[in-house]
N, C-alpha and C. Protein backbone atom coordinates (compact mmCIF):
# COMPACT_ATOMS: atom_id res chain seq x y z
N MET A 1 -8.14 -36.63 -20.70
CA MET A 1 -7.26 -37.44 -20.96
C MET A 1 -7.64 -39.09 -20.64
N THR A 2 -8.35 -40.27 -21.12
CA THR A 2 -8.56 -41.37 -20.58
C THR A 2 -6.81 -42.17 -20.40
N GLY A 3 -7.55 -43.19 -19.85
CA GLY A 3 -6.32 -44.06 -19.60
C GLY A 3 -5.86 -44.66 -20.65
N ARG A 4 -6.55 -44.72 -21.72
CA ARG A 4 -5.79 -45.58 -23.23
C ARG A 4 -5.02 -44.63 -23.78
N THR A 5 -5.43 -43.36 -23.98
CA THR A 5 -5.06 -42.45 -24.44
C THR A 5 -3.42 -41.79 -23.75
N ALA A 6 -3.97 -41.87 -22.25
CA ALA A 6 -2.26 -41.67 -21.66
C ALA A 6 -1.34 -42.72 -22.04
N LEU A 7 -1.87 -44.31 -21.99
CA LEU A 7 -1.08 -45.24 -22.18
C LEU A 7 -0.57 -44.86 -23.71
N VAL A 8 -0.96 -44.80 -24.66
CA VAL A 8 -0.74 -44.41 -26.15
C VAL A 8 0.42 -43.02 -26.10
N ALA A 9 0.37 -42.16 -25.82
CA ALA A 9 1.17 -41.00 -25.41
C ALA A 9 2.46 -41.26 -24.89
N THR A 10 2.74 -42.37 -23.71
CA THR A 10 3.28 -42.53 -22.66
C THR A 10 4.09 -43.61 -23.47
N ALA A 11 3.84 -44.52 -24.43
CA ALA A 11 4.12 -45.29 -25.02
C ALA A 11 4.94 -44.63 -26.38
N GLU A 12 4.50 -43.65 -27.00
CA GLU A 12 4.71 -42.70 -28.29
C GLU A 12 6.60 -42.22 -27.60
N LEU A 13 6.09 -41.30 -26.28
CA LEU A 13 7.25 -40.73 -25.60
C LEU A 13 7.95 -41.63 -25.53
N ILE A 14 8.27 -42.73 -25.03
CA ILE A 14 9.21 -43.92 -24.88
C ILE A 14 9.82 -44.27 -26.22
N THR A 15 9.01 -44.37 -27.17
CA THR A 15 9.57 -45.02 -28.64
C THR A 15 10.58 -43.92 -29.20
N TRP A 16 9.92 -42.45 -29.14
CA TRP A 16 10.81 -41.33 -29.55
C TRP A 16 11.78 -41.12 -28.79
N TRP A 17 11.90 -41.42 -27.54
CA TRP A 17 13.08 -41.31 -26.84
C TRP A 17 14.38 -42.20 -26.98
N ALA A 18 13.82 -43.51 -26.79
CA ALA A 18 14.56 -44.49 -27.63
C ALA A 18 15.52 -44.25 -28.60
N GLY A 19 14.43 -43.87 -29.62
CA GLY A 19 15.04 -44.08 -30.91
C GLY A 19 16.08 -42.88 -30.89
N LEU A 20 15.91 -41.68 -30.21
CA LEU A 20 16.61 -40.56 -30.38
C LEU A 20 18.27 -40.65 -29.55
N THR A 21 17.95 -41.69 -28.47
CA THR A 21 19.04 -42.15 -27.59
C THR A 21 20.01 -42.88 -28.44
N LEU A 22 19.06 -43.88 -28.76
CA LEU A 22 20.23 -44.88 -29.79
C LEU A 22 20.86 -44.17 -30.99
N LEU A 23 20.17 -42.95 -31.34
CA LEU A 23 20.78 -42.06 -32.91
C LEU A 23 21.58 -41.47 -32.32
N TRP A 24 21.43 -41.01 -30.88
CA TRP A 24 22.73 -39.98 -30.15
C TRP A 24 23.94 -40.74 -30.31
N LEU A 25 23.87 -42.35 -29.37
CA LEU A 25 24.77 -43.14 -28.80
C LEU A 25 25.45 -43.46 -30.27
N VAL A 26 24.80 -43.82 -31.34
CA VAL A 26 25.78 -44.11 -32.70
C VAL A 26 26.61 -43.22 -33.33
N LEU A 27 25.91 -41.66 -33.17
CA LEU A 27 26.63 -40.87 -33.83
C LEU A 27 27.55 -40.39 -32.97
N ILE A 28 27.93 -40.69 -31.45
CA ILE A 28 28.60 -40.17 -31.05
C ILE A 28 30.15 -40.93 -30.53
N GLY A 29 29.65 -42.22 -30.13
CA GLY A 29 30.53 -43.13 -30.10
C GLY A 29 30.76 -43.44 -28.74
N PRO A 30 32.21 -43.44 -28.48
CA PRO A 30 32.02 -44.08 -26.98
C PRO A 30 32.22 -42.68 -25.65
N VAL A 31 31.29 -43.11 -24.71
CA VAL A 31 30.39 -41.65 -23.96
C VAL A 31 31.11 -42.05 -22.23
N ASP A 32 30.89 -40.95 -21.79
CA ASP A 32 31.43 -41.39 -20.44
C ASP A 32 29.80 -41.13 -19.68
N THR A 33 29.80 -41.17 -18.43
CA THR A 33 28.40 -41.49 -17.71
C THR A 33 27.99 -39.62 -17.88
N LEU A 34 28.59 -38.73 -17.63
CA LEU A 34 28.02 -37.57 -17.95
C LEU A 34 27.26 -37.28 -19.16
N GLU A 35 28.29 -37.70 -20.25
CA GLU A 35 27.69 -37.54 -21.53
C GLU A 35 26.47 -38.49 -22.18
N ARG A 36 26.11 -39.23 -21.38
CA ARG A 36 25.04 -40.16 -21.63
C ARG A 36 23.92 -40.02 -20.62
N VAL A 37 23.87 -39.03 -19.67
CA VAL A 37 22.99 -38.25 -19.04
C VAL A 37 22.52 -37.35 -19.85
N VAL A 38 23.62 -36.28 -20.14
CA VAL A 38 23.13 -35.12 -21.11
C VAL A 38 22.59 -35.82 -22.29
N GLY A 39 22.91 -36.84 -23.00
CA GLY A 39 22.26 -37.22 -24.03
C GLY A 39 20.82 -37.75 -23.89
N ALA A 40 20.63 -38.39 -22.98
CA ALA A 40 19.13 -38.98 -22.26
C ALA A 40 18.69 -37.54 -22.24
N SER A 41 18.86 -36.82 -21.73
CA SER A 41 17.89 -35.44 -21.52
C SER A 41 18.15 -34.91 -22.69
N ALA A 42 18.53 -34.92 -23.73
CA ALA A 42 18.41 -33.92 -24.79
C ALA A 42 17.42 -34.70 -25.62
N ALA A 43 17.27 -36.19 -25.79
CA ALA A 43 16.41 -37.08 -26.16
C ALA A 43 15.07 -36.86 -26.02
N ALA A 44 15.14 -36.84 -24.24
CA ALA A 44 13.70 -36.61 -23.66
C ALA A 44 13.17 -35.22 -24.28
N VAL A 45 13.88 -34.09 -24.19
CA VAL A 45 13.33 -32.96 -24.89
C VAL A 45 12.65 -33.33 -26.42
N GLY A 46 13.90 -33.42 -27.19
CA GLY A 46 13.56 -34.18 -28.46
C GLY A 46 12.12 -34.98 -28.79
N ALA A 47 12.02 -35.65 -27.66
CA ALA A 47 10.75 -36.63 -27.93
C ALA A 47 9.37 -36.05 -27.52
N LEU A 48 9.54 -34.99 -26.65
CA LEU A 48 8.14 -34.37 -26.16
C LEU A 48 7.91 -33.25 -27.59
N ALA A 49 9.21 -32.40 -28.38
CA ALA A 49 8.85 -31.68 -29.58
C ALA A 49 8.44 -32.76 -30.11
N ALA A 50 8.74 -33.68 -30.53
CA ALA A 50 7.90 -34.63 -31.76
C ALA A 50 6.75 -35.09 -31.59
N ARG A 51 6.76 -35.32 -30.43
CA ARG A 51 4.81 -35.51 -29.85
C ARG A 51 4.17 -34.47 -30.28
N ALA A 52 4.50 -33.31 -29.79
CA ALA A 52 4.04 -32.30 -29.60
C ALA A 52 3.80 -31.69 -31.23
N GLY A 53 4.60 -32.09 -31.93
CA GLY A 53 4.49 -31.75 -33.51
C GLY A 53 3.47 -32.41 -34.17
N ARG A 54 3.98 -33.73 -33.45
CA ARG A 54 3.04 -34.57 -34.25
C ARG A 54 1.37 -34.61 -33.97
N ARG A 55 1.18 -34.19 -32.76
CA ARG A 55 -0.26 -33.97 -32.20
C ARG A 55 -0.65 -32.44 -33.22
N GLU A 56 -0.13 -31.63 -33.31
CA GLU A 56 -0.36 -30.31 -34.03
C GLU A 56 -0.55 -30.77 -35.39
N VAL A 57 0.12 -31.61 -36.03
CA VAL A 57 -0.19 -32.12 -37.67
C VAL A 57 -1.40 -32.96 -37.62
N GLY A 58 -1.63 -33.98 -36.82
CA GLY A 58 -2.79 -34.23 -36.66
C GLY A 58 -3.86 -33.56 -36.51
N ARG A 59 -4.17 -32.40 -35.80
CA ARG A 59 -4.99 -31.85 -35.77
C ARG A 59 -5.89 -31.31 -37.23
N ARG A 60 -4.77 -31.20 -38.36
CA ARG A 60 -5.34 -29.96 -39.31
C ARG A 60 -6.02 -30.83 -40.20
């Protein structure tokens, strides 16, 4: 992986994470600190899955 592809991959993960976290916050409403940590962690897992799925589709 070159520096450019690593940068693109990181940007994609951050974008997915931010979008999923924002969606979760909109749907869940008022939250406590623990709920924010759990939501951000779940969004990170979702971002990794979205990136992996998009890479697999791109290989076809």
